[in-house]
Protein backbone atom coordinates (compact mmCIF):
# COMPACT_ATOMS: atom_id res chain seq x y z
CA UNK A 1 0.00 0.00 0.00
CA UNK A 2 1.40 3.37 -0.98
CA UNK A 3 1.44 6.43 1.24
CA UNK A 4 -1.10 8.13 -1.00
CA UNK A 5 -3.43 5.14 -0.85
CA UNK A 6 -3.12 4.94 2.94
CA UNK A 7 -3.73 8.68 3.26
CA UNK A 8 -6.89 8.52 1.16
CA UNK A 9 -8.20 5.57 3.18
CA UNK A 10 -7.47 7.37 6.44
CA UNK A 11 -9.26 10.50 5.21
CA UNK A 12 -12.29 8.44 4.22
CA UNK A 13 -12.40 6.89 7.69
CA UNK A 14 -12.08 10.27 9.41
CA UNK A 15 -14.71 11.77 7.10
CA UNK A 16 -17.15 8.97 7.93
CA UNK A 17 -16.74 9.34 11.67
CA UNK A 18 -17.03 13.14 11.55
CA UNK A 19 -20.16 13.03 9.41
CA UNK A 20 -21.79 10.08 11.18
CA UNK A 21 -21.02 10.96 14.80
CA UNK A 22 -20.88 14.76 14.73
CA UNK A 23 -22.81 16.22 11.80
CA UNK A 24 -25.69 13.71 11.52
CA UNK A 25 -26.76 13.82 15.19
CA UNK A 26 -26.54 17.62 15.14
CA UNK A 27 -28.63 17.74 11.95
CA UNK A 28 -31.26 15.45 13.47
CA UNK A 29 -31.29 17.48 16.68
CA UNK A 30 -31.74 20.85 14.99
CA UNK A 31 -33.84 19.74 12.02
CA UNK A 32 -36.68 17.27 12.26
CA UNK A 33 -36.68 17.08 16.06
CA UNK A 34 -36.41 20.78 16.83
CA UNK A 35 -39.91 21.02 18.32
CA UNK A 36 -39.90 17.69 20.18
CA UNK A 37 -39.57 17.42 23.95
CA UNK A 38 -35.97 17.30 25.12
CA UNK A 39 -36.20 13.74 26.43
CA UNK A 40 -37.41 12.47 23.04
CA UNK A 41 -34.74 14.49 21.18
CA UNK A 42 -31.97 13.26 23.44
CA UNK A 43 -33.08 9.64 23.12
CA UNK A 44 -33.31 9.72 19.33
CA UNK A 45 -30.03 11.57 18.92
CA UNK A 46 -28.34 9.10 21.26
CA UNK A 47 -29.71 6.22 19.19
CA UNK A 48 -28.51 7.84 15.94
CA UNK A 49 -25.05 8.45 17.40
CA UNK A 50 -24.81 4.91 18.82
CA UNK A 51 -25.83 3.26 15.54
CA UNK A 52 -23.39 5.45 13.58
CA UNK A 53 -20.52 4.70 15.96
CA UNK A 54 -21.25 0.97 16.13
CA UNK A 55 -21.61 0.80 12.35
CA UNK A 56 -18.29 2.55 11.90
CA UNK A 57 -16.49 0.25 14.30
CA UNK A 58 -18.10 -2.80 12.69
CA UNK A 59 -17.11 -1.53 9.25
CA UNK A 60 -13.52 -0.97 10.35
CA UNK A 61 -13.27 -4.49 11.73
CA UNK A 62 -14.86 -6.03 8.64
CA UNK A 63 -12.58 -4.10 6.26
CA UNK A 64 -9.59 -5.08 8.38
CA UNK A 65 -10.48 -8.77 8.09
CA UNK A 66 -10.86 -8.41 4.31
CA UNK A 67 -7.48 -6.67 4.06
CA UNK A 68 -8.91 -3.41 2.73
CA UNK A 69 -7.42 -1.37 5.55
PDB file of N, CA and C in Angstrom:
ATOM      1  N   UNK A   1       0.849  -1.159   0.000  1.00  0.00           N
ATOM      2  CA  UNK A   1       0.000   0.000   0.000  1.00  0.00           C
ATOM      3  C   UNK A   1       0.902   1.232   0.000  1.00  0.00           C
ATOM      4  N   UNK A   2       0.605   2.146  -0.890  1.00  0.00           N
ATOM      5  CA  UNK A   2       1.402   3.367  -0.985  1.00  0.00           C
ATOM      6  C   UNK A   2       0.957   4.370   0.078  1.00  0.00           C
ATOM      7  N   UNK A   3       1.791   5.378   0.285  1.00  0.00           N
ATOM      8  CA  UNK A   3       1.443   6.432   1.244  1.00  0.00           C
ATOM      9  C   UNK A   3       0.187   7.171   0.807  1.00  0.00           C
ATOM     10  N   UNK A   4       0.071   7.418  -0.488  1.00  0.00           N
ATOM     11  CA  UNK A   4      -1.101   8.132  -1.000  1.00  0.00           C
ATOM     12  C   UNK A   4      -2.370   7.308  -0.778  1.00  0.00           C
ATOM     13  N   UNK A   5      -2.291   6.030  -1.049  1.00  0.00           N
ATOM     14  CA  UNK A   5      -3.427   5.142  -0.853  1.00  0.00           C
ATOM     15  C   UNK A   5      -3.824   5.093   0.623  1.00  0.00           C
ATOM     16  N   UNK A   6      -2.847   4.969   1.498  1.00  0.00           N
ATOM     17  CA  UNK A   6      -3.117   4.939   2.938  1.00  0.00           C
ATOM     18  C   UNK A   6      -3.708   6.264   3.418  1.00  0.00           C
ATOM     19  N   UNK A   7      -3.213   7.358   2.881  1.00  0.00           N
ATOM     20  CA  UNK A   7      -3.731   8.679   3.259  1.00  0.00           C
ATOM     21  C   UNK A   7      -5.184   8.840   2.843  1.00  0.00           C
ATOM     22  N   UNK A   8      -5.508   8.419   1.642  1.00  0.00           N
ATOM     23  CA  UNK A   8      -6.889   8.520   1.163  1.00  0.00           C
ATOM     24  C   UNK A   8      -7.809   7.651   2.019  1.00  0.00           C
ATOM     25  N   UNK A   9      -7.377   6.460   2.335  1.00  0.00           N
ATOM     26  CA  UNK A   9      -8.195   5.574   3.177  1.00  0.00           C
ATOM     27  C   UNK A   9      -8.399   6.169   4.563  1.00  0.00           C
ATOM     28  N   UNK A  10      -7.356   6.744   5.125  1.00  0.00           N
ATOM     29  CA  UNK A  10      -7.471   7.373   6.443  1.00  0.00           C
ATOM     30  C   UNK A  10      -8.426   8.564   6.397  1.00  0.00           C
ATOM     31  N   UNK A  11      -8.355   9.357   5.350  1.00  0.00           N
ATOM     32  CA  UNK A  11      -9.257  10.500   5.212  1.00  0.00           C
ATOM     33  C   UNK A  11     -10.709  10.053   5.061  1.00  0.00           C
ATOM     34  N   UNK A  12     -10.930   8.971   4.359  1.00  0.00           N
ATOM     35  CA  UNK A  12     -12.290   8.442   4.223  1.00  0.00           C
ATOM     36  C   UNK A  12     -12.819   7.993   5.579  1.00  0.00           C
ATOM     37  N   UNK A  13     -11.985   7.340   6.356  1.00  0.00           N
ATOM     38  CA  UNK A  13     -12.397   6.890   7.690  1.00  0.00           C
ATOM     39  C   UNK A  13     -12.715   8.086   8.585  1.00  0.00           C
ATOM     40  N   UNK A  14     -11.843   9.077   8.597  1.00  0.00           N
ATOM     41  CA  UNK A  14     -12.077  10.274   9.413  1.00  0.00           C
ATOM     42  C   UNK A  14     -13.339  10.992   8.951  1.00  0.00           C
ATOM     43  N   UNK A  15     -13.519  11.108   7.648  1.00  0.00           N
ATOM     44  CA  UNK A  15     -14.710  11.767   7.103  1.00  0.00           C
ATOM     45  C   UNK A  15     -15.978  11.047   7.561  1.00  0.00           C
ATOM     46  N   UNK A  16     -15.978   9.721   7.484  1.00  0.00           N
ATOM     47  CA  UNK A  16     -17.154   8.966   7.928  1.00  0.00           C
ATOM     48  C   UNK A  16     -17.473   9.269   9.389  1.00  0.00           C
ATOM     49  N   UNK A  17     -16.468   9.156  10.252  1.00  0.00           N
ATOM     50  CA  UNK A  17     -16.740   9.341  11.673  1.00  0.00           C
ATOM     51  C   UNK A  17     -17.156  10.774  12.000  1.00  0.00           C
ATOM     52  N   UNK A  18     -16.612  11.753  11.316  1.00  0.00           N
ATOM     53  CA  UNK A  18     -17.034  13.141  11.547  1.00  0.00           C
ATOM     54  C   UNK A  18     -18.474  13.336  11.101  1.00  0.00           C
ATOM     55  N   UNK A  19     -18.793  12.859   9.923  1.00  0.00           N
ATOM     56  CA  UNK A  19     -20.162  13.025   9.414  1.00  0.00           C
ATOM     57  C   UNK A  19     -21.152  12.219  10.248  1.00  0.00           C
ATOM     58  N   UNK A  20     -20.838  10.968  10.526  1.00  0.00           N
ATOM     59  CA  UNK A  20     -21.794  10.083  11.180  1.00  0.00           C
ATOM     60  C   UNK A  20     -21.968  10.358  12.670  1.00  0.00           C
ATOM     61  N   UNK A  21     -20.912  10.790  13.347  1.00  0.00           N
ATOM     62  CA  UNK A  21     -21.022  10.957  14.800  1.00  0.00           C
ATOM     63  C   UNK A  21     -21.054  12.411  15.257  1.00  0.00           C
ATOM     64  N   UNK A  22     -20.824  13.340  14.353  1.00  0.00           N
ATOM     65  CA  UNK A  22     -20.881  14.757  14.726  1.00  0.00           C
ATOM     66  C   UNK A  22     -21.980  15.470  13.943  1.00  0.00           C
ATOM     67  N   UNK A  23     -21.878  15.442  12.618  1.00  0.00           N
ATOM     68  CA  UNK A  23     -22.810  16.221  11.804  1.00  0.00           C
ATOM     69  C   UNK A  23     -24.219  15.643  11.820  1.00  0.00           C
ATOM     70  N   UNK A  24     -24.358  14.322  11.607  1.00  0.00           N
ATOM     71  CA  UNK A  24     -25.690  13.714  11.516  1.00  0.00           C
ATOM     72  C   UNK A  24     -26.504  13.880  12.800  1.00  0.00           C
ATOM     73  N   UNK A  25     -25.964  13.590  13.982  1.00  0.00           N
ATOM     74  CA  UNK A  25     -26.761  13.824  15.188  1.00  0.00           C
ATOM     75  C   UNK A  25     -27.137  15.297  15.366  1.00  0.00           C
ATOM     76  N   UNK A  26     -26.222  16.204  15.037  1.00  0.00           N
ATOM     77  CA  UNK A  26     -26.543  17.622  15.140  1.00  0.00           C
ATOM     78  C   UNK A  26     -27.648  18.006  14.161  1.00  0.00           C
ATOM     79  N   UNK A  27     -27.593  17.468  12.949  1.00  0.00           N
ATOM     80  CA  UNK A  27     -28.626  17.738  11.951  1.00  0.00           C
ATOM     81  C   UNK A  27     -29.986  17.233  12.420  1.00  0.00           C
ATOM     82  N   UNK A  28     -30.008  16.016  12.970  1.00  0.00           N
ATOM     83  CA  UNK A  28     -31.259  15.445  13.468  1.00  0.00           C
ATOM     84  C   UNK A  28     -31.785  16.269  14.634  1.00  0.00           C
ATOM     85  N   UNK A  29     -30.896  16.708  15.502  1.00  0.00           N
ATOM     86  CA  UNK A  29     -31.292  17.481  16.679  1.00  0.00           C
ATOM     87  C   UNK A  29     -31.891  18.829  16.302  1.00  0.00           C
ATOM     88  N   UNK A  30     -31.288  19.502  15.350  1.00  0.00           N
ATOM     89  CA  UNK A  30     -31.741  20.845  14.988  1.00  0.00           C
ATOM     90  C   UNK A  30     -32.801  20.857  13.896  1.00  0.00           C
ATOM     91  N   UNK A  31     -32.902  19.782  13.142  1.00  0.00           N
ATOM     92  CA  UNK A  31     -33.835  19.745  12.024  1.00  0.00           C
ATOM     93  C   UNK A  31     -35.176  19.155  12.384  1.00  0.00           C
ATOM     94  N   UNK A  32     -35.367  17.884  12.089  1.00  0.00           N
ATOM     95  CA  UNK A  32     -36.680  17.266  12.256  1.00  0.00           C
ATOM     96  C   UNK A  32     -37.172  17.204  13.705  1.00  0.00           C
ATOM     97  N   UNK A  33     -36.275  17.221  14.655  1.00  0.00           N
ATOM     98  CA  UNK A  33     -36.684  17.084  16.058  1.00  0.00           C
ATOM     99  C   UNK A  33     -36.655  18.393  16.836  1.00  0.00           C
ATOM    100  N   UNK A  34     -36.581  19.488  16.155  1.00  0.00           N
ATOM    101  CA  UNK A  34     -36.411  20.775  16.833  1.00  0.00           C
ATOM    102  C   UNK A  34     -37.554  21.095  17.798  1.00  0.00           C
ATOM    103  N   UNK A  35     -38.762  20.677  17.483  1.00  0.00           N
ATOM    104  CA  UNK A  35     -39.909  21.016  18.319  1.00  0.00           C
ATOM    105  C   UNK A  35     -40.318  19.900  19.277  1.00  0.00           C
ATOM    106  N   UNK A  36     -39.568  18.822  19.312  1.00  0.00           N
ATOM    107  CA  UNK A  36     -39.895  17.693  20.183  1.00  0.00           C
ATOM    108  C   UNK A  36     -39.445  17.978  21.616  1.00  0.00           C
ATOM    109  N   UNK A  37     -40.027  17.280  22.566  1.00  0.00           N
ATOM    110  CA  UNK A  37     -39.566  17.416  23.948  1.00  0.00           C
ATOM    111  C   UNK A  37     -38.100  16.976  24.072  1.00  0.00           C
ATOM    112  N   UNK A  38     -37.405  17.549  25.011  1.00  0.00           N
ATOM    113  CA  UNK A  38     -35.966  17.302  25.122  1.00  0.00           C
ATOM    114  C   UNK A  38     -35.641  15.833  25.391  1.00  0.00           C
ATOM    115  N   UNK A  39     -36.463  15.144  26.144  1.00  0.00           N
ATOM    116  CA  UNK A  39     -36.202  13.736  26.428  1.00  0.00           C
ATOM    117  C   UNK A  39     -36.278  12.896  25.143  1.00  0.00           C
ATOM    118  N   UNK A  40     -37.254  13.190  24.309  1.00  0.00           N
ATOM    119  CA  UNK A  40     -37.407  12.475  23.038  1.00  0.00           C
ATOM    120  C   UNK A  40     -36.226  12.796  22.126  1.00  0.00           C
ATOM    121  N   UNK A  41     -35.882  14.084  22.017  1.00  0.00           N
ATOM    122  CA  UNK A  41     -34.743  14.492  21.176  1.00  0.00           C
ATOM    123  C   UNK A  41     -33.467  13.813  21.623  1.00  0.00           C
ATOM    124  N   UNK A  42     -33.202  13.856  22.923  1.00  0.00           N
ATOM    125  CA  UNK A  42     -31.971  13.255  23.445  1.00  0.00           C
ATOM    126  C   UNK A  42     -31.923  11.756  23.178  1.00  0.00           C
ATOM    127  N   UNK A  43     -33.041  11.082  23.351  1.00  0.00           N
ATOM    128  CA  UNK A  43     -33.076   9.643  23.116  1.00  0.00           C
ATOM    129  C   UNK A  43     -32.844   9.283  21.661  1.00  0.00           C
ATOM    130  N   UNK A  44     -33.473  10.010  20.752  1.00  0.00           N
ATOM    131  CA  UNK A  44     -33.313   9.723  19.330  1.00  0.00           C
ATOM    132  C   UNK A  44     -31.903  10.063  18.869  1.00  0.00           C
ATOM    133  N   UNK A  45     -31.387  11.190  19.307  1.00  0.00           N
ATOM    134  CA  UNK A  45     -30.029  11.573  18.919  1.00  0.00           C
ATOM    135  C   UNK A  45     -29.016  10.585  19.482  1.00  0.00           C
ATOM    136  N   UNK A  46     -29.221  10.114  20.695  1.00  0.00           N
ATOM    137  CA  UNK A  46     -28.339   9.103  21.264  1.00  0.00           C
ATOM    138  C   UNK A  46     -28.385   7.817  20.444  1.00  0.00           C
ATOM    139  N   UNK A  47     -29.576   7.425  20.013  1.00  0.00           N
ATOM    140  CA  UNK A  47     -29.709   6.219  19.187  1.00  0.00           C
ATOM    141  C   UNK A  47     -29.010   6.404  17.843  1.00  0.00           C
ATOM    142  N   UNK A  48     -29.171   7.569  17.221  1.00  0.00           N
ATOM    143  CA  UNK A  48     -28.508   7.844  15.939  1.00  0.00           C
ATOM    144  C   UNK A  48     -26.995   7.792  16.110  1.00  0.00           C
ATOM    145  N   UNK A  49     -26.488   8.434  17.147  1.00  0.00           N
ATOM    146  CA  UNK A  49     -25.051   8.445  17.399  1.00  0.00           C
ATOM    147  C   UNK A  49     -24.514   7.040  17.674  1.00  0.00           C
ATOM    148  N   UNK A  50     -25.249   6.265  18.476  1.00  0.00           N
ATOM    149  CA  UNK A  50     -24.812   4.914  18.818  1.00  0.00           C
ATOM    150  C   UNK A  50     -24.773   4.012  17.591  1.00  0.00           C
ATOM    151  N   UNK A  51     -25.799   4.084  16.759  1.00  0.00           N
ATOM    152  CA  UNK A  51     -25.830   3.264  15.543  1.00  0.00           C
ATOM    153  C   UNK A  51     -24.702   3.676  14.602  1.00  0.00           C
ATOM    154  N   UNK A  52     -24.466   4.978  14.456  1.00  0.00           N
ATOM    155  CA  UNK A  52     -23.389   5.450  13.577  1.00  0.00           C
ATOM    156  C   UNK A  52     -22.018   5.004  14.090  1.00  0.00           C
ATOM    157  N   UNK A  53     -21.795   5.112  15.381  1.00  0.00           N
ATOM    158  CA  UNK A  53     -20.517   4.700  15.956  1.00  0.00           C
ATOM    159  C   UNK A  53     -20.325   3.192  15.844  1.00  0.00           C
ATOM    160  N   UNK A  54     -21.350   2.424  16.214  1.00  0.00           N
ATOM    161  CA  UNK A  54     -21.252   0.966  16.133  1.00  0.00           C
ATOM    162  C   UNK A  54     -21.069   0.509  14.686  1.00  0.00           C
ATOM    163  N   UNK A  55     -21.775   1.142  13.761  1.00  0.00           N
ATOM    164  CA  UNK A  55     -21.611   0.805  12.347  1.00  0.00           C
ATOM    165  C   UNK A  55     -20.216   1.107  11.842  1.00  0.00           C
ATOM    166  N   UNK A  56     -19.647   2.209  12.290  1.00  0.00           N
ATOM    167  CA  UNK A  56     -18.288   2.551  11.898  1.00  0.00           C
ATOM    168  C   UNK A  56     -17.264   1.577  12.447  1.00  0.00           C
ATOM    169  N   UNK A  57     -17.423   1.203  13.693  1.00  0.00           N
ATOM    170  CA  UNK A  57     -16.493   0.248  14.298  1.00  0.00           C
ATOM    171  C   UNK A  57     -16.632  -1.120  13.631  1.00  0.00           C
ATOM    172  N   UNK A  58     -17.875  -1.534  13.381  1.00  0.00           N
ATOM    173  CA  UNK A  58     -18.102  -2.803  12.694  1.00  0.00           C
ATOM    174  C   UNK A  58     -17.485  -2.764  11.289  1.00  0.00           C
ATOM    175  N   UNK A  59     -17.683  -1.666  10.584  1.00  0.00           N
ATOM    176  CA  UNK A  59     -17.106  -1.535   9.249  1.00  0.00           C
ATOM    177  C   UNK A  59     -15.590  -1.578   9.268  1.00  0.00           C
ATOM    178  N   UNK A  60     -14.970  -0.925  10.237  1.00  0.00           N
ATOM    179  CA  UNK A  60     -13.518  -0.967  10.348  1.00  0.00           C
ATOM    180  C   UNK A  60     -13.024  -2.393  10.566  1.00  0.00           C
ATOM    181  N   UNK A  61     -13.685  -3.110  11.446  1.00  0.00           N
ATOM    182  CA  UNK A  61     -13.265  -4.491  11.728  1.00  0.00           C
ATOM    183  C   UNK A  61     -13.458  -5.383  10.501  1.00  0.00           C
ATOM    184  N   UNK A  62     -14.578  -5.220   9.828  1.00  0.00           N
ATOM    185  CA  UNK A  62     -14.855  -6.026   8.639  1.00  0.00           C
ATOM    186  C   UNK A  62     -13.846  -5.744   7.529  1.00  0.00           C
ATOM    187  N   UNK A  63     -13.558  -4.461   7.287  1.00  0.00           N
ATOM    188  CA  UNK A  63     -12.585  -4.097   6.255  1.00  0.00           C
ATOM    189  C   UNK A  63     -11.177  -4.557   6.636  1.00  0.00           C
ATOM    190  N   UNK A  64     -10.889  -4.585   7.942  1.00  0.00           N
ATOM    191  CA  UNK A  64      -9.589  -5.078   8.381  1.00  0.00           C
ATOM    192  C   UNK A  64      -9.465  -6.574   8.087  1.00  0.00           C
ATOM    193  N   UNK A  65     -10.508  -7.323   8.362  1.00  0.00           N
ATOM    194  CA  UNK A  65     -10.482  -8.766   8.088  1.00  0.00           C
ATOM    195  C   UNK A  65     -10.342  -9.058   6.599  1.00  0.00           C
ATOM    196  N   UNK A  66     -10.926  -8.214   5.758  1.00  0.00           N
ATOM    197  CA  UNK A  66     -10.860  -8.407   4.315  1.00  0.00           C
ATOM    198  C   UNK A  66      -9.552  -7.898   3.735  1.00  0.00           C
ATOM    199  N   UNK A  67      -8.763  -7.190   4.528  1.00  0.00           N
ATOM    200  CA  UNK A  67      -7.485  -6.674   4.058  1.00  0.00           C
ATOM    201  C   UNK A  67      -7.595  -5.366   3.310  1.00  0.00           C
ATOM    202  N   UNK A  68      -8.737  -4.697   3.414  1.00  0.00           N
ATOM    203  CA  UNK A  68      -8.912  -3.413   2.730  1.00  0.00           C
ATOM    204  C   UNK A  68      -8.143  -2.311   3.437  1.00  0.00           C
ATOM    205  N   UNK A  69      -8.162  -2.364   4.770  1.00  0.00           N
ATOM    206  CA  UNK A  69      -7.420  -1.366   5.550  1.00  0.00           C
ATOM    207  C   UNK A  69      -6.407  -2.061   6.438  1.00  0.00           C
TER     208      UNK A  69
END
